[in-house]
Amino acid sequence: MKKSRILITCAKGITPFLKEEVLQLGFPVLSETIAGIATEGTIDDTLRLNLHLRTGHRVLFLIKEFVARDAEALYLSLSDIPWEDYIAEDGYVCVTSSVDNPTIRDSRYANVKSKDAIVDRIHKKYGQRPDSGPDKNRAVVNLYWKNENCSVYFDTSGEPLSKRGYRKLPVTAPMQETLAAAVIMATGWNRSSHFINPMCGSGTLAIEAALTGLNRAPGLFRNNYGFMHLKGFDESLWDELRTKAKKEAKKALTCRIIATDISKEAVEAAKKNAATAGVEHLIEFDVCDYAETTVPEGKGIVILNPEYGERMGTLKELEYVYKGIGDFFKQKCRGYTGYIFTGNPGLTKKVGLRAKRRTQFFNGAIECRLLEYELYEGSRKK
């Protein structure tokens, strides 16, 4: 398949970090939005993107663009695409869509018309129809239809890339892996100084830090992607890319990664998740209050993702917690850079420290901030 546009989606606010990753992988950035970037490449290039991207959500490969006024026009245009070249007659296809067309009241109708066009075309060629349904574990076709403009993509990721495959035991209100990776990039952590993560929950930040520190490709854990179910999938290329990625990964870290939580259940879950990711031996886990977390001599970052009142906790209780974080920063973390990730900036007023920098993120629909604090003597507000 020739070069085409590749759309890589991400959560709102992550685009700058996704752009950085795409450029580092040697791909051009043609355009960017609040929730993704466009690049270009071949279908084989999507294998490398799926394997290496830490902050991307889905990798979509453009098949065709056309104009369609209504569902019948959509069906006819989709019927012109040689689907038999991409999807096996005894295979499976899932169709997803984002539709904003005045003739369509329910996007599910567009899904059905799209699915019909695909399987009818294949049936006409081979006398057999592929199965279809909502399962994204095989071939996935994505339709973007705004007014009369249609873009049709293969979703080469299938399941979103945030589903790394190592988080077997989530705890309450876990941070998505792609968001955690972007937050770590935002801190500017140099991978050689210490990484301290009190209130670690299910361990996502610490695990992503370990994977980043090792330069281990995040896609190595998964054994299923959408591109694997397209005709012409180059399995030998995929094996070659995986082998190369494994060789490029480091065996050990030069820093300490420490993750603590007051909940024994959370720490046990974090340990099991880290073991699944193959990094349990690189993370020092402990069950303790955040204020009792070991902070080694030297430099590094201390990052906390405390509750912020949207899904858990009460504001009065949380005000006390945020004040305590400020005390912990001042008393135990001198020489480090402190970070608080929160969806309630008002609570950070209780920290009693002046933030040097604020970076906007979104945790689902919740607008969040990553606040940075330089921790040195005299940083406490008078």
Protein backbone atom coordinates (compact mmCIF):
# COMPACT_ATOMS: atom_id res chain seq x y z
CA MET A 1 0.00 0.00 0.00
CA LYS A 2 1.34 3.44 -0.94
CA LYS A 3 2.01 6.33 1.41
CA SER A 4 -1.07 7.98 2.84
CA ARG A 5 -2.08 10.30 5.64
CA ILE A 6 -1.78 8.81 9.11
CA LEU A 7 -3.91 10.34 11.84
CA ILE A 8 -2.72 9.70 15.39
CA THR A 9 -5.26 10.55 18.06
CA CYS A 10 -4.58 11.38 21.70
CA ALA A 11 -6.33 12.74 24.76
CA LYS A 12 -6.91 16.49 24.87
CA GLY A 13 -3.82 18.37 25.98
CA ILE A 14 -1.34 15.64 25.02
CA THR A 15 -0.71 16.82 21.44
CA PRO A 16 2.61 18.64 22.18
CA PHE A 17 4.09 15.47 23.66
CA LEU A 18 2.73 13.24 20.90
CA LYS A 19 4.21 15.63 18.33
CA GLU A 20 7.60 15.36 20.02
CA GLU A 21 7.43 11.56 19.89
CA VAL A 22 6.40 11.44 16.23
CA LEU A 23 9.26 13.76 15.23
CA GLN A 24 11.75 11.69 17.25
CA LEU A 25 10.62 8.61 15.33
CA GLY A 26 11.47 10.42 12.09
CA PHE A 27 7.97 11.17 10.82
CA PRO A 28 6.82 14.62 9.63
CA VAL A 29 4.01 16.45 11.40
CA LEU A 30 1.64 17.72 8.71
CA SER A 31 -0.94 19.25 11.05
CA GLU A 32 -2.08 19.14 14.66
CA THR A 33 -5.27 19.60 16.66
CA ILE A 34 -6.11 19.58 20.35
CA ALA A 35 -6.60 15.80 20.17
CA GLY A 36 -4.08 14.49 17.65
CA ILE A 37 -1.63 15.01 14.83
CA ALA A 38 -1.44 14.07 11.16
CA THR A 39 1.65 12.55 9.59
CA GLU A 40 2.21 10.38 6.52
CA GLY A 41 3.64 6.98 5.74
CA THR A 42 2.88 3.47 4.53
CA ILE A 43 0.78 0.86 6.28
CA ASP A 44 4.08 -0.75 7.36
CA ASP A 45 5.03 2.52 9.08
CA THR A 46 1.99 2.15 11.34
CA LEU A 47 3.62 -0.94 12.87
CA ARG A 48 6.53 1.14 14.18
CA LEU A 49 4.21 3.89 15.42
CA ASN A 50 2.02 1.43 17.32
CA LEU A 51 5.09 -0.20 18.85
CA HIS A 52 6.86 2.95 20.05
CA LEU A 53 4.30 5.67 20.81
CA ARG A 54 3.79 6.27 24.53
CA THR A 55 1.25 9.11 24.33
CA GLY A 56 -0.82 8.23 21.24
CA HIS A 57 -4.30 6.73 21.50
CA ARG A 58 -4.94 5.29 18.03
CA VAL A 59 -3.01 5.14 14.74
CA LEU A 60 -5.41 5.59 11.79
CA PHE A 61 -4.33 4.97 8.18
CA LEU A 62 -6.29 6.88 5.52
CA ILE A 63 -7.86 4.69 2.83
CA LYS A 64 -9.98 7.20 0.91
CA GLU A 65 -11.63 10.61 1.07
CA PHE A 66 -14.83 11.47 -0.79
CA VAL A 67 -18.01 13.55 -0.72
CA ALA A 68 -21.32 11.96 0.34
CA ARG A 69 -24.57 13.85 0.84
CA ASP A 70 -26.50 10.99 2.41
CA ALA A 71 -26.32 7.33 3.42
CA GLU A 72 -26.90 6.02 -0.10
CA ALA A 73 -24.07 8.14 -1.49
CA LEU A 74 -21.90 6.90 1.38
CA TYR A 75 -22.71 3.29 0.49
CA LEU A 76 -21.87 3.78 -3.19
CA SER A 77 -18.54 5.50 -2.51
CA LEU A 78 -17.52 2.88 0.03
CA SER A 79 -18.46 0.14 -2.45
CA ASP A 80 -15.80 1.49 -4.83
CA ILE A 81 -13.00 0.70 -2.37
CA PRO A 82 -11.33 -2.70 -3.06
CA TRP A 83 -12.03 -4.10 0.40
CA GLU A 84 -11.20 -7.60 -0.81
CA ASP A 85 -7.55 -6.49 -0.98
CA TYR A 86 -7.52 -5.74 2.75
CA ILE A 87 -10.08 -7.93 4.54
CA ALA A 88 -10.38 -11.71 4.14
CA GLU A 89 -13.72 -13.13 3.09
CA ASP A 90 -13.67 -15.41 6.14
CA GLY A 91 -12.42 -12.58 8.37
CA TYR A 92 -14.10 -10.04 10.62
CA VAL A 93 -14.59 -6.29 10.46
CA CYS A 94 -15.72 -3.70 12.99
CA VAL A 95 -16.89 -0.27 11.83
CA THR A 96 -16.75 2.77 14.11
CA SER A 97 -17.73 6.29 13.14
CA SER A 98 -17.84 9.95 14.06
CA VAL A 99 -20.78 11.45 12.16
CA ASP A 100 -22.04 15.03 11.84
CA ASN A 101 -24.34 14.95 8.82
CA PRO A 102 -27.85 16.49 8.74
CA THR A 103 -29.33 13.40 7.05
CA ILE A 104 -28.12 11.04 9.80
CA ARG A 105 -29.83 11.04 13.19
CA ASP A 106 -27.97 8.06 14.64
CA SER A 107 -24.32 7.27 13.85
CA ARG A 108 -25.14 3.58 14.21
CA TYR A 109 -27.04 3.82 10.92
CA ALA A 110 -23.87 5.10 9.23
CA ASN A 111 -22.00 2.17 10.78
CA VAL A 112 -24.51 -0.30 9.33
CA LYS A 113 -24.40 1.27 5.84
CA SER A 114 -20.60 1.26 5.93
CA LYS A 115 -20.47 -2.34 7.09
CA ASP A 116 -22.96 -3.36 4.39
CA ALA A 117 -20.86 -1.69 1.69
CA ILE A 118 -17.74 -3.52 2.85
CA VAL A 119 -19.19 -7.01 3.21
CA ASP A 120 -21.36 -6.69 0.07
CA ARG A 121 -18.29 -5.82 -1.99
CA ILE A 122 -16.36 -8.80 -0.62
CA HIS A 123 -19.36 -11.11 -1.10
CA LYS A 124 -19.64 -9.98 -4.72
CA LYS A 125 -15.99 -10.90 -5.30
CA TYR A 126 -15.78 -14.17 -3.35
CA GLY A 127 -19.34 -15.31 -2.62
CA GLN A 128 -18.70 -15.08 1.12
CA ARG A 129 -19.25 -12.33 3.68
CA PRO A 130 -16.86 -11.56 6.54
CA ASP A 131 -18.39 -11.47 10.01
CA SER A 132 -18.93 -8.06 11.60
CA GLY A 133 -19.71 -6.59 15.00
CA PRO A 134 -18.44 -4.31 17.78
CA ASP A 135 -15.31 -6.31 18.65
CA LYS A 136 -12.20 -4.16 18.03
CA ASN A 137 -9.78 -7.06 18.36
CA ARG A 138 -9.58 -7.68 14.61
CA ALA A 139 -9.90 -5.45 11.50
CA VAL A 140 -11.35 -2.04 12.37
CA VAL A 141 -12.57 0.59 9.87
CA ASN A 142 -13.06 4.17 11.06
CA LEU A 143 -15.45 6.60 9.31
CA TYR A 144 -15.22 10.37 9.85
CA TRP A 145 -18.17 12.10 8.19
CA LYS A 146 -18.68 15.83 8.68
CA ASN A 147 -21.34 17.54 6.55
CA GLU A 148 -20.61 16.02 3.12
CA ASN A 149 -16.93 15.24 3.65
CA CYS A 150 -15.98 11.63 4.40
CA SER A 151 -12.63 10.17 5.43
CA VAL A 152 -12.24 6.41 5.80
CA TYR A 153 -9.39 4.93 7.82
CA PHE A 154 -8.09 1.60 9.00
CA ASP A 155 -7.68 1.71 12.77
CA THR A 156 -4.33 -0.07 12.88
CA SER A 157 -4.31 -0.06 16.69
CA GLY A 158 -7.61 -1.85 17.27
CA GLU A 159 -7.86 -1.44 21.01
CA PRO A 160 -6.48 1.96 22.15
CA LEU A 161 -2.74 2.16 22.79
CA SER A 162 -3.45 3.17 26.39
CA LYS A 163 -4.23 -0.50 26.94
CA ARG A 164 -0.59 -1.54 27.21
CA GLY A 165 -1.45 -4.95 28.59
CA TYR A 166 0.33 -4.76 31.96
CA ARG A 167 -2.33 -3.17 34.17
CA LYS A 168 -4.16 -6.27 35.32
CA LEU A 169 -5.26 -4.84 38.67
CA PRO A 170 -6.49 -1.22 38.56
CA VAL A 171 -7.44 0.50 41.79
CA THR A 172 -9.86 3.39 42.30
CA ALA A 173 -9.57 6.22 39.73
CA PRO A 174 -6.44 4.99 37.91
CA MET A 175 -4.47 7.27 35.59
CA GLN A 176 -4.44 6.10 31.96
CA GLU A 177 -1.05 4.89 30.75
CA THR A 178 -0.84 7.38 27.86
CA LEU A 179 -1.65 10.27 30.20
CA ALA A 180 0.97 9.08 32.69
CA ALA A 181 3.58 8.96 29.91
CA ALA A 182 2.70 12.51 28.83
CA VAL A 183 2.85 13.78 32.41
CA ILE A 184 6.33 12.27 32.80
CA MET A 185 7.42 13.94 29.56
CA ALA A 186 6.04 17.25 30.86
CA THR A 187 8.24 17.03 33.96
CA GLY A 188 11.34 16.85 31.79
CA TRP A 189 12.64 13.93 33.89
CA ASN A 190 16.12 13.11 32.58
CA ARG A 191 15.90 9.34 33.27
CA SER A 192 19.06 9.42 35.41
CA SER A 193 17.85 11.32 38.50
CA HIS A 194 15.55 9.77 41.11
CA PHE A 195 11.81 9.39 40.48
CA ILE A 196 9.70 9.46 43.65
CA ASN A 197 5.97 8.73 43.48
CA PRO A 198 4.03 8.84 46.76
CA MET A 199 0.29 8.04 46.48
CA CYS A 200 1.21 5.65 43.65
CA GLY A 201 -2.18 3.89 43.39
CA SER A 202 -1.95 1.06 40.86
CA GLY A 203 1.58 2.15 39.97
CA THR A 204 1.02 3.57 36.49
CA LEU A 205 3.31 6.61 36.88
CA ALA A 206 6.14 4.56 38.39
CA ILE A 207 5.79 1.79 35.80
CA GLU A 208 5.73 4.25 32.90
CA ALA A 209 8.80 5.96 34.40
CA ALA A 210 10.63 2.63 34.54
CA LEU A 211 9.70 1.80 30.94
CA THR A 212 10.76 5.28 29.81
CA GLY A 213 14.01 5.06 31.77
CA LEU A 214 14.81 1.73 30.13
CA ASN A 215 13.80 3.02 26.69
CA ARG A 216 11.55 -0.04 26.47
CA ALA A 217 8.91 0.23 23.73
CA PRO A 218 5.42 0.34 25.30
CA GLY A 219 3.91 -1.78 22.52
CA LEU A 220 6.00 -4.85 23.34
CA PHE A 221 3.46 -6.09 25.88
CA ARG A 222 0.59 -6.44 23.45
CA ASN A 223 0.20 -9.38 21.09
CA ASN A 224 -2.80 -8.07 19.14
CA TYR A 225 -3.24 -4.99 16.95
CA GLY A 226 -5.69 -4.06 14.20
CA PHE A 227 -2.99 -4.16 11.50
CA MET A 228 -2.41 -7.86 12.17
CA HIS A 229 -5.84 -8.67 10.70
CA LEU A 230 -5.36 -6.92 7.36
CA LYS A 231 -4.33 -8.82 4.25
CA GLY A 232 -0.66 -8.32 3.52
CA PHE A 233 0.35 -7.97 7.18
CA ASP A 234 4.13 -8.42 7.16
CA GLU A 235 4.71 -10.65 10.17
CA SER A 236 8.45 -10.86 9.52
CA LEU A 237 8.71 -7.04 9.60
CA TRP A 238 6.78 -6.97 12.89
CA ASP A 239 9.13 -9.58 14.40
CA GLU A 240 12.11 -7.58 13.15
CA LEU A 241 10.79 -4.34 14.70
CA ARG A 242 10.12 -6.08 18.03
CA THR A 243 13.58 -7.65 18.09
CA LYS A 244 15.23 -4.30 17.33
CA ALA A 245 13.17 -2.58 20.05
CA LYS A 246 14.20 -5.19 22.61
CA LYS A 247 17.88 -4.75 21.73
CA GLU A 248 17.60 -0.96 22.09
CA ALA A 249 16.18 -1.24 25.61
CA LYS A 250 18.50 -0.90 28.60
CA LYS A 251 18.85 -3.65 31.19
CA ALA A 252 19.10 -1.43 34.25
CA LEU A 253 18.57 2.10 35.57
CA THR A 254 21.10 4.49 37.08
CA CYS A 255 18.50 6.05 39.38
CA ARG A 256 16.03 4.92 42.03
CA ILE A 257 12.29 4.75 41.40
CA ILE A 258 10.31 4.74 44.63
CA ALA A 259 6.54 4.25 44.76
CA THR A 260 4.49 4.31 47.96
CA ASP A 261 0.87 4.27 49.02
CA ILE A 262 -0.90 4.12 52.36
CA SER A 263 -3.14 1.37 50.95
CA LYS A 264 -1.64 -2.12 51.14
CA GLU A 265 -4.13 -3.24 48.48
CA ALA A 266 -2.95 -0.50 46.10
CA VAL A 267 0.72 -1.39 46.58
CA GLU A 268 0.03 -5.09 46.02
CA ALA A 269 -1.82 -4.22 42.80
CA ALA A 270 1.03 -1.92 41.73
CA LYS A 271 3.59 -4.68 42.37
CA LYS A 272 1.63 -7.16 40.27
CA ASN A 273 1.22 -4.64 37.46
CA ALA A 274 4.96 -3.87 37.58
CA ALA A 275 5.73 -7.59 37.50
CA THR A 276 3.55 -7.99 34.40
CA ALA A 277 5.47 -5.09 32.82
CA GLY A 278 8.76 -6.73 33.79
CA VAL A 279 9.94 -3.81 35.94
CA GLU A 280 9.03 -4.85 39.50
CA HIS A 281 12.74 -5.29 40.35
CA LEU A 282 13.41 -1.67 39.33
CA ILE A 283 10.78 -0.04 41.56
CA GLU A 284 11.06 0.19 45.35
CA PHE A 285 7.52 -0.24 46.67
CA ASP A 286 6.47 0.56 50.23
CA VAL A 287 3.23 0.77 52.18
CA CYS A 288 3.29 4.07 54.04
CA ASP A 289 1.78 7.53 54.29
CA TYR A 290 3.09 9.87 51.58
CA ALA A 291 4.88 11.94 54.23
CA GLU A 292 6.92 8.88 55.27
CA THR A 293 8.15 8.17 51.73
CA THR A 294 11.91 7.73 51.45
CA VAL A 295 13.53 10.57 49.52
CA PRO A 296 17.20 9.77 48.77
CA GLU A 297 20.01 12.30 48.81
CA GLY A 298 20.62 13.88 45.44
CA LYS A 299 18.31 15.26 42.81
CA GLY A 300 15.20 14.10 41.04
CA ILE A 301 11.47 14.62 40.89
CA VAL A 302 8.72 13.95 43.41
CA ILE A 303 5.32 13.58 41.80
CA LEU A 304 1.94 13.06 43.44
CA ASN A 305 -1.49 12.50 41.97
CA PRO A 306 -3.68 13.14 45.04
CA GLU A 307 -7.45 12.93 45.08
CA TYR A 308 -9.11 16.13 43.93
CA GLY A 309 -12.74 15.81 44.89
CA GLU A 310 -14.29 14.87 41.54
CA ARG A 311 -14.64 11.18 42.14
CA MET A 312 -13.31 10.54 45.62
CA GLY A 313 -12.83 12.32 48.93
CA THR A 314 -14.36 15.44 50.40
CA LEU A 315 -12.96 18.93 49.93
CA LYS A 316 -12.36 19.63 53.63
CA GLU A 317 -10.37 16.44 54.05
CA LEU A 318 -8.47 17.12 50.86
CA GLU A 319 -7.50 20.65 51.93
CA TYR A 320 -5.69 19.06 54.86
CA VAL A 321 -3.96 16.58 52.52
CA TYR A 322 -2.77 19.30 50.13
CA LYS A 323 -1.41 21.36 53.01
CA GLY A 324 0.46 18.27 54.16
CA ILE A 325 1.96 17.80 50.71
CA GLY A 326 3.42 21.30 50.94
CA ASP A 327 4.99 20.45 54.30
CA PHE A 328 6.36 17.19 52.88
CA PHE A 329 7.90 19.01 49.92
CA LYS A 330 9.61 21.58 52.15
CA GLN A 331 10.78 19.28 54.89
CA LYS A 332 11.90 16.18 52.96
CA CYS A 333 12.35 17.08 49.30
CA ARG A 334 14.88 19.92 49.20
CA GLY A 335 16.94 19.82 46.02
CA TYR A 336 14.20 17.99 44.13
CA THR A 337 11.53 19.34 41.80
CA GLY A 338 8.02 18.70 43.07
CA TYR A 339 4.93 18.04 40.97
CA ILE A 340 1.25 17.80 41.80
CA PHE A 341 -1.23 16.51 39.21
CA THR A 342 -4.72 17.69 40.11
CA GLY A 343 -8.15 18.35 38.68
CA ASN A 344 -8.89 20.95 41.35
CA PRO A 345 -6.41 23.85 41.14
CA GLY A 346 -8.18 25.54 44.04
CA LEU A 347 -6.90 22.87 46.39
CA THR A 348 -3.29 23.65 45.48
CA LYS A 349 -3.65 27.00 47.23
CA LYS A 350 -3.40 24.97 50.44
CA VAL A 351 0.03 23.66 49.42
CA GLY A 352 1.56 26.96 50.48
CA LEU A 353 4.18 26.93 47.73
CA ARG A 354 4.32 29.07 44.63
CA ALA A 355 4.12 27.01 41.44
CA LYS A 356 6.83 27.79 38.90
CA ARG A 357 4.91 26.27 35.98
CA ARG A 358 1.43 24.90 35.20
CA THR A 359 0.71 22.46 32.35
CA GLN A 360 -2.84 21.73 31.23
CA PHE A 361 -4.07 18.16 30.81
CA PHE A 362 -7.40 16.36 30.69
CA ASN A 363 -8.11 13.21 32.70
CA GLY A 364 -11.14 12.04 30.76
CA ALA A 365 -13.52 15.01 30.84
CA ILE A 366 -11.83 16.57 33.88
CA GLU A 367 -9.57 19.53 33.15
CA CYS A 368 -6.37 19.07 35.15
CA ARG A 369 -3.10 20.84 35.86
CA LEU A 370 0.40 19.59 36.48
CA LEU A 371 1.99 22.10 38.85
CA GLU A 372 5.77 22.34 39.18
CA TYR A 373 7.52 23.50 42.36
CA GLU A 374 11.20 24.28 42.82
CA LEU A 375 12.02 22.93 46.26
CA TYR A 376 14.75 24.91 47.94
CA GLU A 377 15.21 26.66 51.27
CA GLY A 378 12.95 29.70 51.55
CA SER A 379 10.41 28.57 48.93
CA ARG A 380 7.65 28.47 51.54
CA LYS A 381 5.18 31.37 51.34
CA LYS A 382 5.39 33.70 54.29
